[in-house]
N, C-alpha and C. Protein backbone atom coordinates (compact mmCIF):
# COMPACT_ATOMS: atom_id res chain seq x y z
N MET A 1 73.14 121.78 158.67
CA MET A 1 74.35 121.09 158.27
C MET A 1 75.12 120.70 159.53
N ALA A 2 75.63 119.49 159.58
CA ALA A 2 76.34 118.99 160.75
C ALA A 2 77.80 119.41 160.70
N THR A 3 78.33 119.75 161.85
CA THR A 3 79.75 120.03 161.92
C THR A 3 80.49 118.72 162.13
N HIS A 4 81.81 118.77 161.95
CA HIS A 4 82.55 117.52 162.09
C HIS A 4 82.65 117.05 163.53
N SER A 5 82.26 117.88 164.50
CA SER A 5 82.23 117.44 165.89
C SER A 5 80.90 116.78 166.25
N GLN A 6 79.92 116.89 165.35
CA GLN A 6 78.59 116.37 165.61
C GLN A 6 78.17 115.48 164.42
N LEU A 7 78.18 114.18 164.64
CA LEU A 7 77.83 113.25 163.57
C LEU A 7 76.35 112.91 163.64
N ILE A 8 75.69 113.01 162.48
CA ILE A 8 74.28 112.68 162.40
C ILE A 8 74.11 111.53 161.42
N ILE A 9 73.65 110.42 161.92
CA ILE A 9 73.37 109.26 161.07
C ILE A 9 71.91 108.94 161.27
N ASP A 10 71.12 109.11 160.18
CA ASP A 10 69.68 108.97 160.33
C ASP A 10 69.20 107.52 160.34
N GLN A 11 69.94 106.61 159.72
CA GLN A 11 69.56 105.21 159.75
C GLN A 11 70.81 104.36 159.96
N PRO A 12 70.69 103.28 160.72
CA PRO A 12 71.87 102.44 160.95
C PRO A 12 72.27 101.69 159.69
N TYR A 13 73.55 101.40 159.61
CA TYR A 13 74.08 100.63 158.50
C TYR A 13 73.55 99.20 158.58
N VAL A 14 73.03 98.70 157.48
CA VAL A 14 72.54 97.33 157.42
C VAL A 14 73.33 96.61 156.33
N PRO A 15 74.15 95.62 156.69
CA PRO A 15 74.95 94.95 155.68
C PRO A 15 74.10 94.09 154.76
N LEU A 16 74.61 93.90 153.56
CA LEU A 16 73.96 93.02 152.61
C LEU A 16 74.16 91.58 153.06
N LEU A 17 73.43 90.67 152.45
CA LEU A 17 73.57 89.25 152.75
C LEU A 17 74.99 88.81 152.40
N LYS A 18 75.66 88.19 153.35
CA LYS A 18 77.06 87.81 153.15
C LYS A 18 77.15 86.50 152.38
N ARG A 19 78.13 86.46 151.49
CA ARG A 19 78.43 85.23 150.76
C ARG A 19 79.84 84.80 151.15
N PRO A 20 80.14 83.52 151.09
CA PRO A 20 81.49 83.09 151.45
C PRO A 20 82.51 83.62 150.45
N LEU A 21 83.70 83.94 150.96
CA LEU A 21 84.78 84.39 150.09
C LEU A 21 85.36 83.21 149.33
N PRO A 22 85.95 83.46 148.17
CA PRO A 22 86.52 82.35 147.40
C PRO A 22 87.68 81.70 148.15
N ALA A 23 87.74 80.40 148.08
CA ALA A 23 88.78 79.65 148.78
C ALA A 23 90.07 79.61 147.96
N GLY A 24 91.16 79.35 148.64
CA GLY A 24 92.42 79.11 147.96
C GLY A 24 93.29 80.34 147.74
N ARG A 25 92.89 81.49 148.23
CA ARG A 25 93.71 82.69 148.07
C ARG A 25 94.68 82.79 149.24
N PRO A 26 95.77 83.56 149.05
CA PRO A 26 96.69 83.76 150.18
C PRO A 26 96.01 84.58 151.28
N ARG A 27 96.44 84.39 152.51
CA ARG A 27 95.84 85.08 153.65
C ARG A 27 95.86 86.59 153.46
N SER A 28 96.92 87.13 152.89
CA SER A 28 97.02 88.59 152.71
C SER A 28 95.88 89.12 151.84
N TRP A 29 95.41 88.32 150.88
CA TRP A 29 94.30 88.76 150.03
C TRP A 29 93.04 88.97 150.86
N TYR A 30 92.76 88.05 151.80
CA TYR A 30 91.57 88.15 152.64
C TYR A 30 91.67 89.36 153.58
N VAL A 31 92.87 89.59 154.12
CA VAL A 31 93.08 90.73 155.03
C VAL A 31 92.83 92.03 154.28
N ILE A 32 93.40 92.18 153.10
CA ILE A 32 93.23 93.40 152.30
C ILE A 32 91.78 93.56 151.87
N HIS A 33 91.15 92.47 151.46
CA HIS A 33 89.76 92.50 151.02
C HIS A 33 88.86 93.01 152.15
N ASN A 34 89.02 92.43 153.33
CA ASN A 34 88.18 92.83 154.47
C ASN A 34 88.46 94.27 154.90
N ARG A 35 89.74 94.69 154.81
CA ARG A 35 90.08 96.08 155.15
C ARG A 35 89.40 97.04 154.18
N ARG A 36 89.39 96.71 152.90
CA ARG A 36 88.74 97.58 151.91
C ARG A 36 87.23 97.66 152.14
N LEU A 37 86.61 96.53 152.45
CA LEU A 37 85.17 96.54 152.73
C LEU A 37 84.85 97.42 153.94
N LYS A 38 85.65 97.28 154.99
CA LYS A 38 85.44 98.08 156.20
C LYS A 38 85.64 99.56 155.90
N ALA A 39 86.67 99.89 155.12
CA ALA A 39 86.94 101.28 154.77
C ALA A 39 85.79 101.86 153.94
N MET A 40 85.24 101.07 153.03
CA MET A 40 84.12 101.55 152.22
C MET A 40 82.89 101.80 153.10
N ARG A 41 82.61 100.89 154.03
CA ARG A 41 81.47 101.09 154.93
C ARG A 41 81.65 102.36 155.75
N LEU A 42 82.86 102.58 156.24
CA LEU A 42 83.13 103.77 157.06
C LEU A 42 83.06 105.05 156.23
N ALA A 43 83.58 105.01 155.02
CA ALA A 43 83.53 106.19 154.15
C ALA A 43 82.08 106.56 153.85
N ILE A 44 81.24 105.57 153.59
CA ILE A 44 79.82 105.83 153.32
C ILE A 44 79.15 106.40 154.56
N ALA A 45 79.46 105.85 155.74
CA ALA A 45 78.87 106.36 156.98
C ALA A 45 79.30 107.80 157.24
N LEU A 46 80.56 108.12 156.97
CA LEU A 46 81.03 109.50 157.15
C LEU A 46 80.33 110.44 156.19
N LEU A 47 80.20 110.04 154.94
CA LEU A 47 79.51 110.88 153.97
C LEU A 47 78.05 111.08 154.38
N ASP A 48 77.41 110.02 154.85
CA ASP A 48 76.02 110.13 155.31
C ASP A 48 75.88 111.06 156.51
N SER A 49 76.93 111.16 157.31
CA SER A 49 76.86 112.00 158.51
C SER A 49 77.29 113.43 158.25
N GLY A 50 77.68 113.75 157.02
CA GLY A 50 78.01 115.13 156.70
C GLY A 50 79.48 115.45 156.61
N VAL A 51 80.33 114.46 156.76
CA VAL A 51 81.78 114.67 156.61
C VAL A 51 82.12 114.36 155.16
N TYR A 52 82.28 115.42 154.35
CA TYR A 52 82.45 115.25 152.91
C TYR A 52 83.89 115.36 152.43
N ARG A 53 84.78 115.86 153.29
CA ARG A 53 86.17 116.03 152.86
C ARG A 53 87.08 115.16 153.70
N ALA A 54 88.09 114.59 153.05
CA ALA A 54 89.00 113.68 153.74
C ALA A 54 89.79 114.39 154.83
N ASP A 55 90.09 115.67 154.64
CA ASP A 55 90.88 116.37 155.65
C ASP A 55 90.08 116.64 156.93
N LEU A 56 88.76 116.48 156.89
CA LEU A 56 87.94 116.61 158.10
C LEU A 56 87.78 115.28 158.83
N ALA A 57 88.21 114.21 158.20
CA ALA A 57 88.05 112.87 158.78
C ALA A 57 89.36 112.42 159.41
N ASP A 58 89.61 112.87 160.64
CA ASP A 58 90.80 112.39 161.33
C ASP A 58 90.50 111.02 161.93
N ASN A 59 91.52 110.39 162.48
CA ASN A 59 91.34 109.03 163.01
C ASN A 59 90.26 108.98 164.10
N GLU A 60 90.22 110.00 164.95
CA GLU A 60 89.23 110.02 166.02
C GLU A 60 87.81 110.08 165.46
N THR A 61 87.59 110.90 164.45
CA THR A 61 86.27 111.01 163.83
C THR A 61 85.87 109.69 163.18
N ILE A 62 86.80 109.06 162.50
CA ILE A 62 86.51 107.79 161.84
C ILE A 62 86.17 106.72 162.88
N ARG A 63 86.93 106.69 163.96
CA ARG A 63 86.67 105.68 165.00
C ARG A 63 85.36 105.94 165.74
N ARG A 64 85.03 107.21 165.94
CA ARG A 64 83.75 107.55 166.57
C ARG A 64 82.59 107.13 165.67
N THR A 65 82.74 107.33 164.37
CA THR A 65 81.71 106.91 163.41
C THR A 65 81.58 105.39 163.42
N ALA A 66 82.71 104.69 163.48
CA ALA A 66 82.67 103.22 163.53
C ALA A 66 81.89 102.76 164.75
N ASP A 67 82.10 103.42 165.87
CA ASP A 67 81.37 103.06 167.08
C ASP A 67 79.88 103.32 166.92
N LEU A 68 79.53 104.43 166.28
CA LEU A 68 78.11 104.76 166.09
C LEU A 68 77.38 103.76 165.21
N VAL A 69 78.07 103.24 164.19
CA VAL A 69 77.40 102.32 163.27
C VAL A 69 77.65 100.86 163.61
N GLY A 70 78.37 100.60 164.70
CA GLY A 70 78.54 99.23 165.16
C GLY A 70 79.64 98.46 164.45
N ILE A 71 80.68 99.17 164.03
CA ILE A 71 81.84 98.53 163.40
C ILE A 71 82.99 98.60 164.39
N ARG A 72 83.79 97.55 164.46
CA ARG A 72 84.94 97.56 165.36
C ARG A 72 85.88 98.71 165.01
N PRO A 73 86.56 99.30 165.98
CA PRO A 73 87.44 100.44 165.70
C PRO A 73 88.50 100.08 164.67
N PRO A 74 88.67 100.92 163.64
CA PRO A 74 89.65 100.62 162.59
C PRO A 74 91.07 100.95 163.02
N SER A 75 92.01 100.29 162.38
CA SER A 75 93.42 100.58 162.63
C SER A 75 93.80 101.88 161.92
N ASP A 76 95.01 102.36 162.20
CA ASP A 76 95.51 103.56 161.53
C ASP A 76 95.57 103.35 160.02
N LYS A 77 95.94 102.15 159.61
CA LYS A 77 96.03 101.83 158.18
C LYS A 77 94.65 101.91 157.52
N THR A 78 93.65 101.39 158.18
CA THR A 78 92.29 101.45 157.65
C THR A 78 91.79 102.89 157.61
N CYS A 79 92.13 103.68 158.62
CA CYS A 79 91.74 105.10 158.62
C CYS A 79 92.34 105.83 157.42
N ARG A 80 93.60 105.53 157.11
CA ARG A 80 94.22 106.14 155.92
C ARG A 80 93.49 105.73 154.66
N LEU A 81 93.08 104.47 154.58
CA LEU A 81 92.35 103.99 153.41
C LEU A 81 90.99 104.68 153.29
N VAL A 82 90.32 104.93 154.42
CA VAL A 82 89.04 105.65 154.41
C VAL A 82 89.25 107.04 153.80
N ARG A 83 90.28 107.74 154.25
CA ARG A 83 90.56 109.08 153.71
C ARG A 83 90.90 109.02 152.23
N ASP A 84 91.64 108.00 151.81
CA ASP A 84 91.96 107.84 150.38
C ASP A 84 90.69 107.65 149.56
N LEU A 85 89.74 106.87 150.09
CA LEU A 85 88.49 106.65 149.37
C LEU A 85 87.65 107.91 149.29
N MET A 86 87.76 108.78 150.28
CA MET A 86 86.95 110.00 150.31
C MET A 86 87.53 111.10 149.41
N ARG A 87 88.80 111.02 149.10
CA ARG A 87 89.42 112.06 148.26
C ARG A 87 88.86 111.98 146.84
N THR A 88 88.64 113.14 146.27
CA THR A 88 88.20 113.17 144.86
C THR A 88 89.45 113.23 144.00
N ARG A 89 89.45 112.44 142.98
CA ARG A 89 90.59 112.42 142.05
C ARG A 89 90.11 112.90 140.71
N ARG A 90 90.79 113.90 140.22
CA ARG A 90 90.40 114.48 138.94
C ARG A 90 91.50 114.32 137.93
């Protein structure tokens, strides 16, 4: 089992075929949409590397994971969204 100081990713992230986003939406919609996609990719990468709890995913861990999988470093806002996605809601 990997500790949170040691990330293990057995296969690199491969994005799906991209399709163009729908035209005519406000700019804020595109910003939020892209932030959510990035947060989902990072949450999946963290889960794949053995970080299963949001409280173990600090900003540094999330940014290190982003670097490992070839994603640009996320902002603090995106890091918060990653942790929100990782939390279990019952």
